[in-house]
Amino acid sequence: MIMKKLALIMISLLLIIPFSLFAQGDKKKKTETVEIQTSAICGMCKERLEKNLAFEKGVKAVELNVETKVISITYKKGKNDKESLKKAITKIGYDADDLPADQEAHDKLPDCCQQGNEPH
């Protein structure tokens, strides 16, 4: 009787473990990371972009490299896309790849964060 129960438990575990591993691997495929060239200049730009983009739908992680001005955004597929994220960046006041910054938003940035100014 004990052997039958033990065998049943072992078979159950052998069936459950592969499915749980498959489900974990499937979650990783549901996100995508894009890189977008920005016109960010300084640490204040980094903070502003990362903070604001974190609230965009589906965004899981945001990291701006100030030296290269490239922002990496990880988001859930189906919840957002690269073009929408680029538009969000322009609405904050920065260029995003080929899209120019929204002029009104750009003009509201601190002087040190506006294009053509030296980083501080």
N, C-alpha and C. Protein backbone atom coordinates (compact mmCIF):
# COMPACT_ATOMS: atom_id res chain seq x y z
N MET A 1 0.83 -1.19 0.00
CA MET A 1 0.00 0.00 0.00
C MET A 1 0.88 1.26 0.00
N ILE A 2 1.90 1.27 0.84
CA ILE A 2 2.80 2.42 0.92
C ILE A 2 3.55 2.58 -0.39
N MET A 3 3.94 1.48 -1.00
CA MET A 3 4.66 1.54 -2.27
C MET A 3 3.79 2.13 -3.37
N LYS A 4 2.51 1.79 -3.37
CA LYS A 4 1.60 2.34 -4.37
C LYS A 4 1.46 3.85 -4.21
N LYS A 5 1.35 4.32 -2.97
CA LYS A 5 1.23 5.75 -2.71
C LYS A 5 2.52 6.48 -3.11
N LEU A 6 3.64 5.88 -2.78
CA LEU A 6 4.93 6.46 -3.14
C LEU A 6 5.09 6.53 -4.66
N ALA A 7 4.69 5.49 -5.34
CA ALA A 7 4.77 5.46 -6.80
C ALA A 7 3.85 6.52 -7.39
N LEU A 8 2.68 6.68 -6.85
CA LEU A 8 1.73 7.69 -7.33
C LEU A 8 2.28 9.10 -7.13
N ILE A 9 2.91 9.34 -6.00
CA ILE A 9 3.53 10.65 -5.72
C ILE A 9 4.65 10.91 -6.71
N MET A 10 5.49 9.91 -6.95
CA MET A 10 6.61 10.08 -7.88
C MET A 10 6.11 10.38 -9.30
N ILE A 11 5.10 9.67 -9.74
CA ILE A 11 4.54 9.91 -11.08
C ILE A 11 3.94 11.31 -11.16
N SER A 12 3.25 11.73 -10.11
CA SER A 12 2.67 13.07 -10.09
C SER A 12 3.74 14.14 -10.19
N LEU A 13 4.83 13.95 -9.44
CA LEU A 13 5.93 14.92 -9.49
C LEU A 13 6.57 14.96 -10.87
N LEU A 14 6.73 13.81 -11.48
CA LEU A 14 7.34 13.76 -12.81
C LEU A 14 6.47 14.46 -13.85
N LEU A 15 5.18 14.49 -13.63
CA LEU A 15 4.28 15.18 -14.56
C LEU A 15 4.19 16.68 -14.26
N ILE A 16 4.25 17.06 -13.01
CA ILE A 16 4.09 18.46 -12.61
C ILE A 16 5.34 19.28 -12.91
N ILE A 17 6.51 18.76 -12.61
CA ILE A 17 7.76 19.53 -12.76
C ILE A 17 7.97 20.03 -14.19
N PRO A 18 7.84 19.20 -15.22
CA PRO A 18 8.06 19.73 -16.58
C PRO A 18 7.08 20.85 -16.95
N PHE A 19 5.83 20.74 -16.52
CA PHE A 19 4.86 21.79 -16.84
C PHE A 19 5.20 23.09 -16.15
N SER A 20 5.67 23.02 -14.91
CA SER A 20 6.02 24.25 -14.20
C SER A 20 7.26 24.90 -14.82
N LEU A 21 8.21 24.10 -15.27
CA LEU A 21 9.38 24.65 -15.95
C LEU A 21 9.00 25.29 -17.27
N PHE A 22 8.10 24.66 -18.00
CA PHE A 22 7.63 25.21 -19.27
C PHE A 22 6.93 26.55 -19.04
N ALA A 23 6.13 26.64 -18.01
CA ALA A 23 5.41 27.88 -17.71
C ALA A 23 6.38 29.00 -17.35
N GLN A 24 7.45 28.71 -16.62
CA GLN A 24 8.42 29.73 -16.28
C GLN A 24 9.16 30.21 -17.51
N GLY A 25 9.54 29.32 -18.40
CA GLY A 25 10.23 29.70 -19.62
C GLY A 25 9.34 30.52 -20.53
N ASP A 26 8.06 30.24 -20.53
CA ASP A 26 7.10 30.95 -21.38
C ASP A 26 6.95 32.40 -20.93
N LYS A 27 7.07 32.68 -19.64
CA LYS A 27 6.94 34.04 -19.13
C LYS A 27 8.04 34.94 -19.67
N LYS A 28 9.24 34.41 -19.82
CA LYS A 28 10.36 35.20 -20.30
C LYS A 28 10.14 35.64 -21.75
N LYS A 29 9.44 34.86 -22.52
CA LYS A 29 9.19 35.18 -23.92
C LYS A 29 8.12 36.25 -24.08
N LYS A 30 7.45 36.59 -23.02
CA LYS A 30 6.36 37.56 -23.10
C LYS A 30 6.85 39.00 -22.95
N THR A 31 8.15 39.17 -22.75
CA THR A 31 8.69 40.52 -22.67
C THR A 31 9.64 40.76 -23.83
N GLU A 32 9.83 42.01 -24.12
CA GLU A 32 10.75 42.41 -25.18
C GLU A 32 11.54 43.62 -24.69
N THR A 33 12.78 43.71 -25.12
CA THR A 33 13.61 44.86 -24.76
C THR A 33 13.99 45.60 -26.03
N VAL A 34 13.78 46.91 -26.02
CA VAL A 34 14.15 47.74 -27.17
C VAL A 34 15.15 48.79 -26.72
N GLU A 35 15.96 49.23 -27.66
CA GLU A 35 16.91 50.31 -27.40
C GLU A 35 16.55 51.48 -28.30
N ILE A 36 16.51 52.66 -27.71
CA ILE A 36 16.11 53.87 -28.43
C ILE A 36 17.15 54.95 -28.16
N GLN A 37 17.63 55.57 -29.22
CA GLN A 37 18.57 56.68 -29.11
C GLN A 37 17.80 57.93 -28.69
N THR A 38 18.27 58.60 -27.63
CA THR A 38 17.58 59.79 -27.14
C THR A 38 18.51 61.01 -27.25
N SER A 39 17.98 62.15 -26.85
CA SER A 39 18.77 63.38 -26.81
C SER A 39 19.08 63.76 -25.36
N ALA A 40 19.02 62.78 -24.45
CA ALA A 40 19.29 63.03 -23.04
C ALA A 40 20.73 63.52 -22.87
N ILE A 41 20.94 64.37 -21.86
CA ILE A 41 22.25 65.00 -21.67
C ILE A 41 22.89 64.61 -20.35
N CYS A 42 22.11 64.58 -19.29
CA CYS A 42 22.71 64.48 -17.95
C CYS A 42 21.95 63.50 -17.05
N GLY A 43 22.39 63.46 -15.81
CA GLY A 43 21.76 62.60 -14.82
C GLY A 43 20.31 62.98 -14.53
N MET A 44 20.01 64.27 -14.64
CA MET A 44 18.62 64.70 -14.44
C MET A 44 17.73 64.16 -15.56
N CYS A 45 18.27 64.14 -16.77
CA CYS A 45 17.53 63.57 -17.91
C CYS A 45 17.27 62.10 -17.66
N LYS A 46 18.30 61.40 -17.20
CA LYS A 46 18.20 59.97 -16.90
C LYS A 46 17.09 59.72 -15.90
N GLU A 47 17.12 60.47 -14.81
CA GLU A 47 16.12 60.31 -13.76
C GLU A 47 14.71 60.59 -14.30
N ARG A 48 14.57 61.65 -15.06
CA ARG A 48 13.26 62.04 -15.60
C ARG A 48 12.71 60.98 -16.55
N LEU A 49 13.55 60.51 -17.46
CA LEU A 49 13.10 59.51 -18.44
C LEU A 49 12.75 58.19 -17.76
N GLU A 50 13.63 57.71 -16.90
CA GLU A 50 13.39 56.43 -16.24
C GLU A 50 12.14 56.48 -15.37
N LYS A 51 11.95 57.57 -14.66
CA LYS A 51 10.79 57.70 -13.78
C LYS A 51 9.49 57.74 -14.58
N ASN A 52 9.47 58.57 -15.62
CA ASN A 52 8.24 58.72 -16.40
C ASN A 52 7.90 57.48 -17.23
N LEU A 53 8.90 56.86 -17.83
CA LEU A 53 8.63 55.69 -18.66
C LEU A 53 8.24 54.47 -17.83
N ALA A 54 8.62 54.44 -16.57
CA ALA A 54 8.23 53.32 -15.70
C ALA A 54 6.72 53.23 -15.55
N PHE A 55 6.02 54.34 -15.78
CA PHE A 55 4.57 54.35 -15.64
C PHE A 55 3.84 54.04 -16.95
N GLU A 56 4.58 53.83 -18.03
CA GLU A 56 3.94 53.47 -19.30
C GLU A 56 3.42 52.04 -19.20
N LYS A 57 2.34 51.78 -19.88
CA LYS A 57 1.68 50.48 -19.83
C LYS A 57 2.64 49.35 -20.22
N GLY A 58 2.72 48.33 -19.38
CA GLY A 58 3.50 47.13 -19.67
C GLY A 58 4.99 47.24 -19.42
N VAL A 59 5.49 48.43 -19.07
CA VAL A 59 6.93 48.60 -18.90
C VAL A 59 7.38 47.92 -17.60
N LYS A 60 8.43 47.11 -17.73
CA LYS A 60 8.97 46.37 -16.59
C LYS A 60 10.30 46.94 -16.11
N ALA A 61 11.11 47.48 -17.03
CA ALA A 61 12.42 48.02 -16.64
C ALA A 61 12.84 49.09 -17.63
N VAL A 62 13.53 50.12 -17.11
CA VAL A 62 14.04 51.22 -17.93
C VAL A 62 15.44 51.56 -17.45
N GLU A 63 16.36 51.70 -18.39
CA GLU A 63 17.74 52.07 -18.03
C GLU A 63 18.31 52.93 -19.14
N LEU A 64 18.73 54.15 -18.78
CA LEU A 64 19.35 55.06 -19.74
C LEU A 64 20.85 55.10 -19.50
N ASN A 65 21.62 54.90 -20.55
CA ASN A 65 23.06 55.06 -20.51
C ASN A 65 23.32 56.51 -20.93
N VAL A 66 23.72 57.36 -20.00
CA VAL A 66 23.88 58.79 -20.28
C VAL A 66 25.01 59.02 -21.29
N GLU A 67 26.06 58.22 -21.24
CA GLU A 67 27.19 58.41 -22.16
C GLU A 67 26.79 58.17 -23.61
N THR A 68 26.04 57.09 -23.86
CA THR A 68 25.63 56.77 -25.24
C THR A 68 24.29 57.39 -25.60
N LYS A 69 23.54 57.84 -24.59
CA LYS A 69 22.20 58.40 -24.75
C LYS A 69 21.18 57.37 -25.25
N VAL A 70 21.49 56.09 -25.03
CA VAL A 70 20.60 55.00 -25.44
C VAL A 70 19.81 54.53 -24.23
N ILE A 71 18.50 54.45 -24.40
CA ILE A 71 17.64 53.97 -23.32
C ILE A 71 17.16 52.57 -23.69
N SER A 72 17.26 51.66 -22.74
CA SER A 72 16.80 50.28 -22.90
C SER A 72 15.51 50.14 -22.10
N ILE A 73 14.47 49.66 -22.77
CA ILE A 73 13.17 49.52 -22.13
C ILE A 73 12.69 48.09 -22.32
N THR A 74 12.38 47.43 -21.21
CA THR A 74 11.81 46.09 -21.25
C THR A 74 10.33 46.22 -20.93
N TYR A 75 9.50 45.62 -21.78
CA TYR A 75 8.05 45.74 -21.62
C TYR A 75 7.37 44.44 -22.01
N LYS A 76 6.13 44.30 -21.58
CA LYS A 76 5.33 43.12 -21.92
C LYS A 76 4.85 43.24 -23.36
N LYS A 77 5.06 42.19 -24.13
CA LYS A 77 4.55 42.17 -25.50
C LYS A 77 3.02 42.23 -25.45
N GLY A 78 2.46 42.93 -26.37
CA GLY A 78 1.01 43.06 -26.41
C GLY A 78 0.48 44.20 -25.55
N LYS A 79 1.28 44.68 -24.62
CA LYS A 79 0.87 45.80 -23.77
C LYS A 79 1.43 47.12 -24.28
N ASN A 80 2.51 47.04 -25.06
CA ASN A 80 3.14 48.24 -25.58
C ASN A 80 3.96 47.88 -26.81
N ASP A 81 4.55 48.85 -27.47
CA ASP A 81 5.43 48.59 -28.61
C ASP A 81 6.45 49.71 -28.73
N LYS A 82 7.44 49.50 -29.57
CA LYS A 82 8.54 50.45 -29.68
C LYS A 82 8.06 51.83 -30.12
N GLU A 83 7.16 51.90 -31.08
CA GLU A 83 6.68 53.20 -31.57
C GLU A 83 5.96 53.99 -30.48
N SER A 84 5.15 53.32 -29.69
CA SER A 84 4.45 54.01 -28.59
C SER A 84 5.43 54.50 -27.53
N LEU A 85 6.46 53.72 -27.27
CA LEU A 85 7.47 54.14 -26.29
C LEU A 85 8.27 55.32 -26.82
N LYS A 86 8.55 55.33 -28.12
CA LYS A 86 9.25 56.46 -28.71
C LYS A 86 8.40 57.72 -28.59
N LYS A 87 7.10 57.61 -28.83
CA LYS A 87 6.20 58.76 -28.69
C LYS A 87 6.17 59.25 -27.25
N ALA A 88 6.20 58.31 -26.30
CA ALA A 88 6.20 58.70 -24.88
C ALA A 88 7.46 59.49 -24.55
N ILE A 89 8.58 59.08 -25.12
CA ILE A 89 9.84 59.80 -24.89
C ILE A 89 9.76 61.22 -25.44
N THR A 90 9.18 61.37 -26.63
CA THR A 90 9.07 62.71 -27.22
C THR A 90 8.15 63.60 -26.40
N LYS A 91 7.13 63.02 -25.79
CA LYS A 91 6.20 63.80 -24.95
C LYS A 91 6.85 64.26 -23.65
N ILE A 92 7.93 63.58 -23.25
CA ILE A 92 8.68 64.00 -22.06
C ILE A 92 9.61 65.16 -22.42
N GLY A 93 9.92 65.28 -23.73
CA GLY A 93 10.74 66.41 -24.18
C GLY A 93 12.06 66.03 -24.83
N TYR A 94 12.22 64.75 -25.16
CA TYR A 94 13.47 64.28 -25.75
C TYR A 94 13.23 63.65 -27.12
N ASP A 95 14.26 63.71 -27.98
CA ASP A 95 14.21 63.00 -29.25
C ASP A 95 14.22 61.50 -28.96
N ALA A 96 13.60 60.74 -29.86
CA ALA A 96 13.59 59.28 -29.74
C ALA A 96 13.84 58.70 -31.13
N ASP A 97 15.06 58.23 -31.37
CA ASP A 97 15.48 57.77 -32.69
C ASP A 97 15.20 58.86 -33.71
N ASP A 98 14.30 58.60 -34.65
CA ASP A 98 14.01 59.56 -35.72
C ASP A 98 12.90 60.55 -35.37
N LEU A 99 12.27 60.39 -34.22
CA LEU A 99 11.17 61.29 -33.83
C LEU A 99 11.72 62.47 -33.02
N PRO A 100 11.41 63.70 -33.44
CA PRO A 100 11.87 64.86 -32.67
C PRO A 100 11.04 65.05 -31.39
N ALA A 101 11.66 65.67 -30.43
CA ALA A 101 10.98 65.95 -29.16
C ALA A 101 9.80 66.89 -29.38
N ASP A 102 8.77 66.70 -28.57
CA ASP A 102 7.66 67.64 -28.54
C ASP A 102 8.23 68.98 -28.08
N GLN A 103 8.09 70.00 -28.90
CA GLN A 103 8.74 71.28 -28.62
C GLN A 103 8.27 71.90 -27.31
N GLU A 104 6.98 71.82 -27.04
CA GLU A 104 6.46 72.40 -25.80
C GLU A 104 7.03 71.68 -24.57
N ALA A 105 7.09 70.35 -24.64
CA ALA A 105 7.65 69.58 -23.52
C ALA A 105 9.15 69.87 -23.39
N HIS A 106 9.86 69.97 -24.51
CA HIS A 106 11.29 70.26 -24.49
C HIS A 106 11.56 71.62 -23.84
N ASP A 107 10.75 72.61 -24.17
CA ASP A 107 10.94 73.96 -23.63
C ASP A 107 10.69 74.02 -22.12
N LYS A 108 9.95 73.06 -21.58
CA LYS A 108 9.67 73.02 -20.14
C LYS A 108 10.78 72.32 -19.35
N LEU A 109 11.70 71.66 -20.07
CA LEU A 109 12.80 71.00 -19.39
C LEU A 109 13.72 72.04 -18.75
N PRO A 110 14.44 71.67 -17.69
CA PRO A 110 15.44 72.60 -17.13
C PRO A 110 16.45 72.96 -18.22
N ASP A 111 17.04 74.13 -18.12
CA ASP A 111 17.99 74.59 -19.14
C ASP A 111 19.09 73.58 -19.41
N CYS A 112 19.60 72.94 -18.37
CA CYS A 112 20.71 71.99 -18.55
C CYS A 112 20.30 70.76 -19.32
N CYS A 113 19.00 70.49 -19.42
CA CYS A 113 18.52 69.29 -20.11
C CYS A 113 18.08 69.57 -21.55
N GLN A 114 18.10 70.82 -21.95
CA GLN A 114 17.67 71.15 -23.30
C GLN A 114 18.81 70.95 -24.29
N GLN A 115 18.45 70.55 -25.50
CA GLN A 115 19.44 70.28 -26.54
C GLN A 115 20.30 71.52 -26.81
N GLY A 116 21.56 71.25 -27.06
CA GLY A 116 22.48 72.33 -27.35
C GLY A 116 23.17 72.87 -26.12
N ASN A 117 22.74 72.49 -24.96
CA ASN A 117 23.37 72.95 -23.72
C ASN A 117 24.37 71.91 -23.22
N GLU A 118 25.33 72.37 -22.47
CA GLU A 118 26.35 71.47 -21.92
C GLU A 118 25.77 70.73 -20.71
N PRO A 119 26.10 69.45 -20.58
CA PRO A 119 25.66 68.72 -19.37
C PRO A 119 26.36 69.27 -18.15
N HIS A 120 25.71 69.13 -17.02
CA HIS A 120 26.32 69.63 -15.78
C HIS A 120 26.91 68.51 -14.98
